[in-house]
All heavy atoms as atom14 arrays in JSON, in Angstrom:
{
  "sequence": "GGGTGGTNINGLIVKSKNPITFNVGGSGGDGSKSGKVEVIRGSSNT",
  "atom14_mask": [
    [1, 1, 1, 1, 0, 0, 0, 0, 0, 0, 0, 0, 0, 0],
    [1, 1, 1, 1, 0, 0, 0, 0, 0, 0, 0, 0, 0, 0],
    [1, 1, 1, 1, 0, 0, 0, 0, 0, 0, 0, 0, 0, 0],
    [1, 1, 1, 1, 1, 1, 1, 0, 0, 0, 0, 0, 0, 0],
    [1, 1, 1, 1, 0, 0, 0, 0, 0, 0, 0, 0, 0, 0],
    [1, 1, 1, 1, 0, 0, 0, 0, 0, 0, 0, 0, 0, 0],
    [1, 1, 1, 1, 1, 1, 1, 0, 0, 0, 0, 0, 0, 0],
    [1, 1, 1, 1, 1, 1, 1, 1, 0, 0, 0, 0, 0, 0],
    [1, 1, 1, 1, 1, 1, 1, 1, 0, 0, 0, 0, 0, 0],
    [1, 1, 1, 1, 1, 1, 1, 1, 0, 0, 0, 0, 0, 0],
    [1, 1, 1, 1, 0, 0, 0, 0, 0, 0, 0, 0, 0, 0],
    [1, 1, 1, 1, 1, 1, 1, 1, 0, 0, 0, 0, 0, 0],
    [1, 1, 1, 1, 1, 1, 1, 1, 0, 0, 0, 0, 0, 0],
    [1, 1, 1, 1, 1, 1, 1, 0, 0, 0, 0, 0, 0, 0],
    [1, 1, 1, 1, 1, 1, 1, 1, 1, 0, 0, 0, 0, 0],
    [1, 1, 1, 1, 1, 1, 0, 0, 0, 0, 0, 0, 0, 0],
    [1, 1, 1, 1, 1, 1, 1, 1, 1, 0, 0, 0, 0, 0],
    [1, 1, 1, 1, 1, 1, 1, 1, 0, 0, 0, 0, 0, 0],
    [1, 1, 1, 1, 1, 1, 1, 0, 0, 0, 0, 0, 0, 0],
    [1, 1, 1, 1, 1, 1, 1, 1, 0, 0, 0, 0, 0, 0],
    [1, 1, 1, 1, 1, 1, 1, 0, 0, 0, 0, 0, 0, 0],
    [1, 1, 1, 1, 1, 1, 1, 1, 1, 1, 1, 0, 0, 0],
    [1, 1, 1, 1, 1, 1, 1, 1, 0, 0, 0, 0, 0, 0],
    [1, 1, 1, 1, 1, 1, 1, 0, 0, 0, 0, 0, 0, 0],
    [1, 1, 1, 1, 0, 0, 0, 0, 0, 0, 0, 0, 0, 0],
    [1, 1, 1, 1, 0, 0, 0, 0, 0, 0, 0, 0, 0, 0],
    [1, 1, 1, 1, 1, 1, 0, 0, 0, 0, 0, 0, 0, 0],
    [1, 1, 1, 1, 0, 0, 0, 0, 0, 0, 0, 0, 0, 0],
    [1, 1, 1, 1, 0, 0, 0, 0, 0, 0, 0, 0, 0, 0],
    [1, 1, 1, 1, 1, 1, 1, 1, 0, 0, 0, 0, 0, 0],
    [1, 1, 1, 1, 0, 0, 0, 0, 0, 0, 0, 0, 0, 0],
    [1, 1, 1, 1, 1, 1, 0, 0, 0, 0, 0, 0, 0, 0],
    [1, 1, 1, 1, 1, 1, 1, 1, 1, 0, 0, 0, 0, 0],
    [1, 1, 1, 1, 1, 1, 0, 0, 0, 0, 0, 0, 0, 0],
    [1, 1, 1, 1, 0, 0, 0, 0, 0, 0, 0, 0, 0, 0],
    [1, 1, 1, 1, 1, 1, 1, 1, 1, 0, 0, 0, 0, 0],
    [1, 1, 1, 1, 1, 1, 1, 0, 0, 0, 0, 0, 0, 0],
    [1, 1, 1, 1, 1, 1, 1, 1, 1, 0, 0, 0, 0, 0],
    [1, 1, 1, 1, 1, 1, 1, 0, 0, 0, 0, 0, 0, 0],
    [1, 1, 1, 1, 1, 1, 1, 1, 0, 0, 0, 0, 0, 0],
    [1, 1, 1, 1, 1, 1, 1, 1, 1, 1, 1, 0, 0, 0],
    [1, 1, 1, 1, 0, 0, 0, 0, 0, 0, 0, 0, 0, 0],
    [1, 1, 1, 1, 1, 1, 0, 0, 0, 0, 0, 0, 0, 0],
    [1, 1, 1, 1, 1, 1, 0, 0, 0, 0, 0, 0, 0, 0],
    [1, 1, 1, 1, 1, 1, 1, 1, 0, 0, 0, 0, 0, 0],
    [1, 1, 1, 1, 1, 1, 1, 0, 0, 0, 0, 0, 0, 0]
  ],
  "atom14_positions": [
    [[16.84, 100.65, 109.18], [17.95, 100.04, 109.92], [17.6, 99.53, 111.31], [16.64, 100.06, 111.94], [0.0, 0.0, 0.0], [0.0, 0.0, 0.0], [0.0, 0.0, 0.0], [0.0, 0.0, 0.0], [0.0, 0.0, 0.0], [0.0, 0.0, 0.0], [0.0, 0.0, 0.0], [0.0, 0.0, 0.0], [0.0, 0.0, 0.0], [0.0, 0.0, 0.0]],
    [[18.11, 98.45, 111.74], [17.94, 97.91, 113.06], [18.49, 98.83, 114.11], [19.56, 99.43, 113.87], [0.0, 0.0, 0.0], [0.0, 0.0, 0.0], [0.0, 0.0, 0.0], [0.0, 0.0, 0.0], [0.0, 0.0, 0.0], [0.0, 0.0, 0.0], [0.0, 0.0, 0.0], [0.0, 0.0, 0.0], [0.0, 0.0, 0.0], [0.0, 0.0, 0.0]],
    [[17.9, 98.84, 115.22], [18.42, 99.74, 116.37], [19.61, 99.13, 117.03], [19.97, 97.86, 116.84], [0.0, 0.0, 0.0], [0.0, 0.0, 0.0], [0.0, 0.0, 0.0], [0.0, 0.0, 0.0], [0.0, 0.0, 0.0], [0.0, 0.0, 0.0], [0.0, 0.0, 0.0], [0.0, 0.0, 0.0], [0.0, 0.0, 0.0], [0.0, 0.0, 0.0]],
    [[20.28, 99.77, 117.85], [21.52, 99.35, 118.69], [21.02, 98.66, 119.85], [20.22, 99.25, 120.68], [22.35, 100.51, 118.93], [22.84, 101.15, 117.71], [23.5, 100.15, 119.72], [0.0, 0.0, 0.0], [0.0, 0.0, 0.0], [0.0, 0.0, 0.0], [0.0, 0.0, 0.0], [0.0, 0.0, 0.0], [0.0, 0.0, 0.0], [0.0, 0.0, 0.0]],
    [[21.64, 97.6, 120.26], [21.28, 96.89, 121.53], [21.73, 97.73, 122.64], [22.62, 98.44, 122.69], [0.0, 0.0, 0.0], [0.0, 0.0, 0.0], [0.0, 0.0, 0.0], [0.0, 0.0, 0.0], [0.0, 0.0, 0.0], [0.0, 0.0, 0.0], [0.0, 0.0, 0.0], [0.0, 0.0, 0.0], [0.0, 0.0, 0.0], [0.0, 0.0, 0.0]],
    [[21.13, 97.4, 123.81], [21.35, 98.11, 125.03], [22.63, 97.62, 125.72], [22.98, 96.44, 125.68], [0.0, 0.0, 0.0], [0.0, 0.0, 0.0], [0.0, 0.0, 0.0], [0.0, 0.0, 0.0], [0.0, 0.0, 0.0], [0.0, 0.0, 0.0], [0.0, 0.0, 0.0], [0.0, 0.0, 0.0], [0.0, 0.0, 0.0], [0.0, 0.0, 0.0]],
    [[23.44, 98.54, 126.28], [24.6, 98.18, 127.11], [24.13, 97.52, 128.45], [23.23, 97.94, 129.12], [25.4, 99.53, 127.36], [25.83, 99.97, 126.15], [26.57, 99.17, 128.22], [0.0, 0.0, 0.0], [0.0, 0.0, 0.0], [0.0, 0.0, 0.0], [0.0, 0.0, 0.0], [0.0, 0.0, 0.0], [0.0, 0.0, 0.0], [0.0, 0.0, 0.0]],
    [[24.94, 96.44, 128.8], [24.59, 95.74, 130.01], [25.84, 95.91, 130.91], [26.95, 95.39, 130.59], [24.3, 94.31, 129.74], [24.02, 93.39, 131.02], [23.43, 93.96, 132.01], [24.5, 92.26, 130.89], [0.0, 0.0, 0.0], [0.0, 0.0, 0.0], [0.0, 0.0, 0.0], [0.0, 0.0, 0.0], [0.0, 0.0, 0.0], [0.0, 0.0, 0.0]],
    [[25.72, 96.42, 132.18], [26.74, 96.52, 133.19], [26.3, 95.85, 134.46], [25.26, 96.21, 134.88], [27.09, 98.02, 133.4], [27.57, 98.58, 132.13], [28.21, 98.09, 134.47], [27.89, 100.11, 132.18], [0.0, 0.0, 0.0], [0.0, 0.0, 0.0], [0.0, 0.0, 0.0], [0.0, 0.0, 0.0], [0.0, 0.0, 0.0], [0.0, 0.0, 0.0]],
    [[27.0, 94.89, 134.86], [26.67, 93.99, 136.04], [27.84, 93.9, 137.03], [28.85, 93.48, 136.65], [26.09, 92.66, 135.61], [25.4, 91.95, 136.75], [25.29, 92.41, 137.86], [25.23, 90.7, 136.46], [0.0, 0.0, 0.0], [0.0, 0.0, 0.0], [0.0, 0.0, 0.0], [0.0, 0.0, 0.0], [0.0, 0.0, 0.0], [0.0, 0.0, 0.0]],
    [[27.57, 94.37, 138.21], [28.67, 94.24, 139.26], [28.15, 93.57, 140.48], [26.99, 93.76, 140.99], [0.0, 0.0, 0.0], [0.0, 0.0, 0.0], [0.0, 0.0, 0.0], [0.0, 0.0, 0.0], [0.0, 0.0, 0.0], [0.0, 0.0, 0.0], [0.0, 0.0, 0.0], [0.0, 0.0, 0.0], [0.0, 0.0, 0.0], [0.0, 0.0, 0.0]],
    [[29.08, 92.65, 141.08], [28.56, 91.92, 142.18], [29.83, 91.93, 143.23], [31.01, 91.58, 142.89], [28.37, 90.49, 141.83], [28.19, 89.53, 142.96], [26.9, 89.81, 143.77], [28.05, 87.99, 142.48], [0.0, 0.0, 0.0], [0.0, 0.0, 0.0], [0.0, 0.0, 0.0], [0.0, 0.0, 0.0], [0.0, 0.0, 0.0], [0.0, 0.0, 0.0]],
    [[29.61, 92.52, 144.41], [30.57, 92.52, 145.54], [29.97, 91.56, 146.63], [28.89, 91.93, 147.14], [30.84, 93.86, 146.08], [31.42, 94.74, 144.98], [31.88, 93.79, 147.25], [31.56, 96.19, 145.36], [0.0, 0.0, 0.0], [0.0, 0.0, 0.0], [0.0, 0.0, 0.0], [0.0, 0.0, 0.0], [0.0, 0.0, 0.0], [0.0, 0.0, 0.0]],
    [[30.6, 90.47, 146.95], [30.0, 89.55, 147.8], [31.04, 88.89, 148.7], [32.18, 88.62, 148.45], [29.33, 88.45, 146.99], [30.26, 87.76, 146.09], [28.49, 87.48, 147.8], [0.0, 0.0, 0.0], [0.0, 0.0, 0.0], [0.0, 0.0, 0.0], [0.0, 0.0, 0.0], [0.0, 0.0, 0.0], [0.0, 0.0, 0.0], [0.0, 0.0, 0.0]],
    [[30.57, 88.56, 149.96], [31.29, 87.74, 150.93], [30.41, 86.51, 151.09], [29.5, 86.49, 151.95], [31.6, 88.38, 152.18], [32.52, 87.7, 153.14], [32.87, 88.56, 154.42], [33.89, 87.78, 155.22], [34.28, 88.62, 156.39], [0.0, 0.0, 0.0], [0.0, 0.0, 0.0], [0.0, 0.0, 0.0], [0.0, 0.0, 0.0], [0.0, 0.0, 0.0]],
    [[30.62, 85.48, 150.28], [29.65, 84.37, 150.35], [30.4, 83.07, 149.7], [31.34, 83.17, 149.14], [28.44, 84.71, 149.4], [27.68, 83.64, 149.27], [0.0, 0.0, 0.0], [0.0, 0.0, 0.0], [0.0, 0.0, 0.0], [0.0, 0.0, 0.0], [0.0, 0.0, 0.0], [0.0, 0.0, 0.0], [0.0, 0.0, 0.0], [0.0, 0.0, 0.0]],
    [[29.68, 81.99, 149.94], [30.34, 80.78, 149.59], [30.43, 80.53, 148.1], [31.39, 80.21, 147.57], [29.62, 79.64, 150.17], [30.08, 78.25, 149.99], [29.29, 77.18, 150.58], [29.74, 75.85, 150.26], [28.99, 74.75, 150.86], [0.0, 0.0, 0.0], [0.0, 0.0, 0.0], [0.0, 0.0, 0.0], [0.0, 0.0, 0.0], [0.0, 0.0, 0.0]],
    [[29.32, 80.82, 147.37], [29.28, 80.46, 145.87], [28.56, 81.57, 145.13], [27.39, 81.43, 144.76], [28.45, 79.03, 145.79], [29.1, 77.92, 146.39], [30.25, 77.76, 146.25], [28.3, 77.12, 146.97], [0.0, 0.0, 0.0], [0.0, 0.0, 0.0], [0.0, 0.0, 0.0], [0.0, 0.0, 0.0], [0.0, 0.0, 0.0], [0.0, 0.0, 0.0]],
    [[29.33, 82.62, 144.89], [28.75, 83.77, 144.15], [28.7, 83.33, 142.63], [29.57, 82.75, 142.08], [29.65, 84.93, 144.28], [30.9, 84.24, 144.57], [30.67, 82.99, 145.36], [0.0, 0.0, 0.0], [0.0, 0.0, 0.0], [0.0, 0.0, 0.0], [0.0, 0.0, 0.0], [0.0, 0.0, 0.0], [0.0, 0.0, 0.0], [0.0, 0.0, 0.0]],
    [[27.57, 83.71, 141.94], [27.31, 83.44, 140.55], [26.93, 84.7, 139.87], [26.03, 85.34, 140.32], [26.29, 82.33, 140.31], [26.81, 81.09, 140.96], [26.08, 82.16, 138.85], [25.71, 79.85, 140.97], [0.0, 0.0, 0.0], [0.0, 0.0, 0.0], [0.0, 0.0, 0.0], [0.0, 0.0, 0.0], [0.0, 0.0, 0.0], [0.0, 0.0, 0.0]],
    [[27.57, 85.08, 138.76], [27.2, 86.29, 137.98], [26.95, 85.75, 136.53], [27.79, 85.05, 135.93], [28.36, 87.33, 137.97], [28.7, 87.6, 139.33], [27.83, 88.53, 137.36], [0.0, 0.0, 0.0], [0.0, 0.0, 0.0], [0.0, 0.0, 0.0], [0.0, 0.0, 0.0], [0.0, 0.0, 0.0], [0.0, 0.0, 0.0], [0.0, 0.0, 0.0]],
    [[25.81, 86.17, 135.98], [25.44, 85.82, 134.62], [24.97, 87.1, 133.91], [24.07, 87.82, 134.43], [24.27, 84.7, 134.68], [23.75, 84.33, 133.31], [24.57, 83.57, 132.52], [22.56, 84.75, 132.85], [24.2, 83.2, 131.22], [22.13, 84.31, 131.62], [22.88, 83.53, 130.79], [0.0, 0.0, 0.0], [0.0, 0.0, 0.0], [0.0, 0.0, 0.0]],
    [[25.52, 87.31, 132.68], [25.29, 88.47, 131.89], [25.08, 88.23, 130.44], [25.8, 87.4, 129.86], [26.41, 89.49, 132.1], [26.98, 89.57, 133.49], [26.38, 90.33, 134.33], [27.91, 88.76, 133.87], [0.0, 0.0, 0.0], [0.0, 0.0, 0.0], [0.0, 0.0, 0.0], [0.0, 0.0, 0.0], [0.0, 0.0, 0.0], [0.0, 0.0, 0.0]],
    [[24.11, 88.91, 129.95], [23.78, 88.84, 128.49], [23.7, 90.15, 127.82], [22.81, 90.97, 128.32], [22.57, 87.96, 128.22], [22.31, 87.85, 126.68], [22.68, 86.56, 128.76], [0.0, 0.0, 0.0], [0.0, 0.0, 0.0], [0.0, 0.0, 0.0], [0.0, 0.0, 0.0], [0.0, 0.0, 0.0], [0.0, 0.0, 0.0], [0.0, 0.0, 0.0]],
    [[24.42, 90.43, 126.82], [24.34, 91.72, 126.15], [23.09, 91.84, 125.22], [22.61, 90.89, 124.8], [0.0, 0.0, 0.0], [0.0, 0.0, 0.0], [0.0, 0.0, 0.0], [0.0, 0.0, 0.0], [0.0, 0.0, 0.0], [0.0, 0.0, 0.0], [0.0, 0.0, 0.0], [0.0, 0.0, 0.0], [0.0, 0.0, 0.0], [0.0, 0.0, 0.0]],
    [[22.61, 93.09, 125.03], [21.47, 93.33, 124.19], [21.83, 93.13, 122.68], [22.92, 93.66, 122.33], [0.0, 0.0, 0.0], [0.0, 0.0, 0.0], [0.0, 0.0, 0.0], [0.0, 0.0, 0.0], [0.0, 0.0, 0.0], [0.0, 0.0, 0.0], [0.0, 0.0, 0.0], [0.0, 0.0, 0.0], [0.0, 0.0, 0.0], [0.0, 0.0, 0.0]],
    [[20.94, 92.54, 121.95], [21.24, 92.33, 120.53], [20.77, 93.37, 119.72], [19.71, 94.16, 120.04], [20.55, 91.01, 120.07], [21.07, 89.93, 120.7], [0.0, 0.0, 0.0], [0.0, 0.0, 0.0], [0.0, 0.0, 0.0], [0.0, 0.0, 0.0], [0.0, 0.0, 0.0], [0.0, 0.0, 0.0], [0.0, 0.0, 0.0], [0.0, 0.0, 0.0]],
    [[21.43, 93.71, 118.62], [21.02, 94.82, 117.62], [19.83, 94.34, 116.83], [19.59, 93.03, 116.62], [0.0, 0.0, 0.0], [0.0, 0.0, 0.0], [0.0, 0.0, 0.0], [0.0, 0.0, 0.0], [0.0, 0.0, 0.0], [0.0, 0.0, 0.0], [0.0, 0.0, 0.0], [0.0, 0.0, 0.0], [0.0, 0.0, 0.0], [0.0, 0.0, 0.0]],
    [[18.94, 95.16, 116.39], [17.84, 94.8, 115.61], [18.17, 94.53, 114.17], [19.11, 94.96, 113.64], [0.0, 0.0, 0.0], [0.0, 0.0, 0.0], [0.0, 0.0, 0.0], [0.0, 0.0, 0.0], [0.0, 0.0, 0.0], [0.0, 0.0, 0.0], [0.0, 0.0, 0.0], [0.0, 0.0, 0.0], [0.0, 0.0, 0.0], [0.0, 0.0, 0.0]],
    [[17.39, 93.88, 113.57], [17.54, 93.41, 112.12], [17.07, 94.62, 111.2], [16.04, 95.27, 111.51], [16.7, 92.18, 111.73], [17.26, 90.99, 112.39], [18.35, 90.94, 112.85], [16.44, 89.93, 112.57], [0.0, 0.0, 0.0], [0.0, 0.0, 0.0], [0.0, 0.0, 0.0], [0.0, 0.0, 0.0], [0.0, 0.0, 0.0], [0.0, 0.0, 0.0]],
    [[17.86, 94.8, 110.08], [17.37, 95.77, 109.02], [16.18, 95.08, 108.28], [16.04, 93.87, 108.24], [0.0, 0.0, 0.0], [0.0, 0.0, 0.0], [0.0, 0.0, 0.0], [0.0, 0.0, 0.0], [0.0, 0.0, 0.0], [0.0, 0.0, 0.0], [0.0, 0.0, 0.0], [0.0, 0.0, 0.0], [0.0, 0.0, 0.0], [0.0, 0.0, 0.0]],
    [[15.44, 95.95, 107.5], [14.37, 95.53, 106.73], [14.55, 95.71, 105.24], [15.26, 96.55, 104.87], [13.07, 96.26, 107.17], [12.59, 95.69, 108.43], [0.0, 0.0, 0.0], [0.0, 0.0, 0.0], [0.0, 0.0, 0.0], [0.0, 0.0, 0.0], [0.0, 0.0, 0.0], [0.0, 0.0, 0.0], [0.0, 0.0, 0.0], [0.0, 0.0, 0.0]],
    [[13.85, 94.92, 104.49], [13.99, 94.94, 103.04], [13.47, 96.13, 102.4], [12.48, 96.73, 102.9], [13.34, 93.72, 102.41], [13.47, 93.52, 101.02], [12.9, 92.19, 100.51], [13.07, 91.92, 99.08], [14.45, 91.72, 98.67], [0.0, 0.0, 0.0], [0.0, 0.0, 0.0], [0.0, 0.0, 0.0], [0.0, 0.0, 0.0], [0.0, 0.0, 0.0]],
    [[14.12, 96.65, 101.38], [13.61, 97.78, 100.61], [12.65, 97.32, 99.5], [12.62, 96.2, 99.05], [14.74, 98.58, 100.08], [15.66, 97.76, 99.27], [0.0, 0.0, 0.0], [0.0, 0.0, 0.0], [0.0, 0.0, 0.0], [0.0, 0.0, 0.0], [0.0, 0.0, 0.0], [0.0, 0.0, 0.0], [0.0, 0.0, 0.0], [0.0, 0.0, 0.0]],
    [[11.95, 98.26, 98.87], [11.03, 97.92, 97.87], [11.62, 98.08, 96.48], [12.72, 98.46, 96.3], [0.0, 0.0, 0.0], [0.0, 0.0, 0.0], [0.0, 0.0, 0.0], [0.0, 0.0, 0.0], [0.0, 0.0, 0.0], [0.0, 0.0, 0.0], [0.0, 0.0, 0.0], [0.0, 0.0, 0.0], [0.0, 0.0, 0.0], [0.0, 0.0, 0.0]],
    [[10.87, 97.6, 95.53], [11.19, 97.75, 94.09], [11.09, 99.16, 93.58], [10.18, 99.91, 93.94], [10.35, 96.82, 93.23], [10.7, 96.75, 91.81], [9.91, 95.87, 91.0], [10.28, 95.72, 89.52], [9.44, 94.76, 88.73], [0.0, 0.0, 0.0], [0.0, 0.0, 0.0], [0.0, 0.0, 0.0], [0.0, 0.0, 0.0], [0.0, 0.0, 0.0]],
    [[12.06, 99.57, 92.76], [12.02, 101.04, 92.29], [11.99, 100.92, 90.75], [12.74, 100.27, 90.13], [13.33, 101.73, 92.74], [13.39, 103.07, 92.14], [13.42, 101.8, 94.24], [0.0, 0.0, 0.0], [0.0, 0.0, 0.0], [0.0, 0.0, 0.0], [0.0, 0.0, 0.0], [0.0, 0.0, 0.0], [0.0, 0.0, 0.0], [0.0, 0.0, 0.0]],
    [[11.07, 101.73, 90.18], [10.87, 101.71, 88.76], [10.76, 103.12, 88.3], [9.86, 103.96, 88.86], [9.65, 100.95, 88.44], [9.36, 100.83, 86.86], [8.12, 100.11, 86.58], [7.05, 100.45, 87.12], [8.22, 99.03, 85.84], [0.0, 0.0, 0.0], [0.0, 0.0, 0.0], [0.0, 0.0, 0.0], [0.0, 0.0, 0.0], [0.0, 0.0, 0.0]],
    [[11.39, 103.55, 87.28], [11.31, 104.83, 86.64], [11.18, 104.74, 85.11], [12.02, 104.11, 84.47], [12.54, 105.75, 86.97], [12.36, 107.06, 86.28], [12.76, 105.93, 88.45], [0.0, 0.0, 0.0], [0.0, 0.0, 0.0], [0.0, 0.0, 0.0], [0.0, 0.0, 0.0], [0.0, 0.0, 0.0], [0.0, 0.0, 0.0], [0.0, 0.0, 0.0]],
    [[10.17, 105.24, 84.6], [9.87, 105.19, 83.14], [9.55, 106.72, 82.66], [8.7, 107.31, 83.21], [8.59, 104.35, 82.79], [8.93, 102.87, 83.32], [8.32, 104.4, 81.29], [7.75, 101.96, 82.98], [0.0, 0.0, 0.0], [0.0, 0.0, 0.0], [0.0, 0.0, 0.0], [0.0, 0.0, 0.0], [0.0, 0.0, 0.0], [0.0, 0.0, 0.0]],
    [[10.28, 107.1, 81.73], [10.15, 108.4, 81.11], [9.99, 108.25, 79.61], [10.96, 107.91, 78.86], [11.29, 109.32, 81.49], [11.53, 109.57, 83.04], [12.57, 110.66, 83.29], [12.08, 111.94, 82.86], [12.51, 112.68, 81.84], [13.37, 112.11, 81.02], [11.96, 113.8, 81.53], [0.0, 0.0, 0.0], [0.0, 0.0, 0.0], [0.0, 0.0, 0.0]],
    [[8.82, 108.61, 79.13], [8.46, 108.52, 77.74], [8.52, 106.94, 77.29], [8.41, 106.14, 78.08], [0.0, 0.0, 0.0], [0.0, 0.0, 0.0], [0.0, 0.0, 0.0], [0.0, 0.0, 0.0], [0.0, 0.0, 0.0], [0.0, 0.0, 0.0], [0.0, 0.0, 0.0], [0.0, 0.0, 0.0], [0.0, 0.0, 0.0], [0.0, 0.0, 0.0]],
    [[8.61, 106.84, 76.01], [8.7, 105.47, 75.42], [9.65, 105.44, 74.23], [10.11, 106.51, 73.78], [7.39, 105.04, 75.04], [6.87, 105.73, 73.9], [0.0, 0.0, 0.0], [0.0, 0.0, 0.0], [0.0, 0.0, 0.0], [0.0, 0.0, 0.0], [0.0, 0.0, 0.0], [0.0, 0.0, 0.0], [0.0, 0.0, 0.0], [0.0, 0.0, 0.0]],
    [[9.97, 104.3, 73.67], [10.82, 104.16, 72.59], [10.23, 104.93, 71.3], [11.02, 105.4, 70.51], [11.13, 102.65, 72.32], [9.86, 102.05, 71.92], [0.0, 0.0, 0.0], [0.0, 0.0, 0.0], [0.0, 0.0, 0.0], [0.0, 0.0, 0.0], [0.0, 0.0, 0.0], [0.0, 0.0, 0.0], [0.0, 0.0, 0.0], [0.0, 0.0, 0.0]],
    [[8.95, 104.95, 71.24], [8.32, 105.56, 70.19], [8.08, 107.06, 70.41], [7.84, 107.92, 69.5], [6.99, 104.87, 69.89], [7.09, 103.42, 69.47], [8.14, 103.13, 68.74], [6.2, 102.64, 69.83], [0.0, 0.0, 0.0], [0.0, 0.0, 0.0], [0.0, 0.0, 0.0], [0.0, 0.0, 0.0], [0.0, 0.0, 0.0], [0.0, 0.0, 0.0]],
    [[7.97, 107.53, 71.72], [7.71, 108.87, 72.01], [8.74, 109.42, 73.02], [8.44, 109.27, 74.16], [6.37, 108.96, 72.58], [5.41, 108.43, 71.7], [5.9, 110.51, 72.72], [0.0, 0.0, 0.0], [0.0, 0.0, 0.0], [0.0, 0.0, 0.0], [0.0, 0.0, 0.0], [0.0, 0.0, 0.0], [0.0, 0.0, 0.0], [0.0, 0.0, 0.0]]
  ]
}
């Protein structure tokens, strides 16, 4: 399974003309494909 994205906390306290705050949250990871599963026990003749 994919991991959990990181939490992003951003705070700005400013006395200024043009404050800009830009924030991007962390993305979760992708899960991966599983393999083929085969089980054979005996045969139709045995």
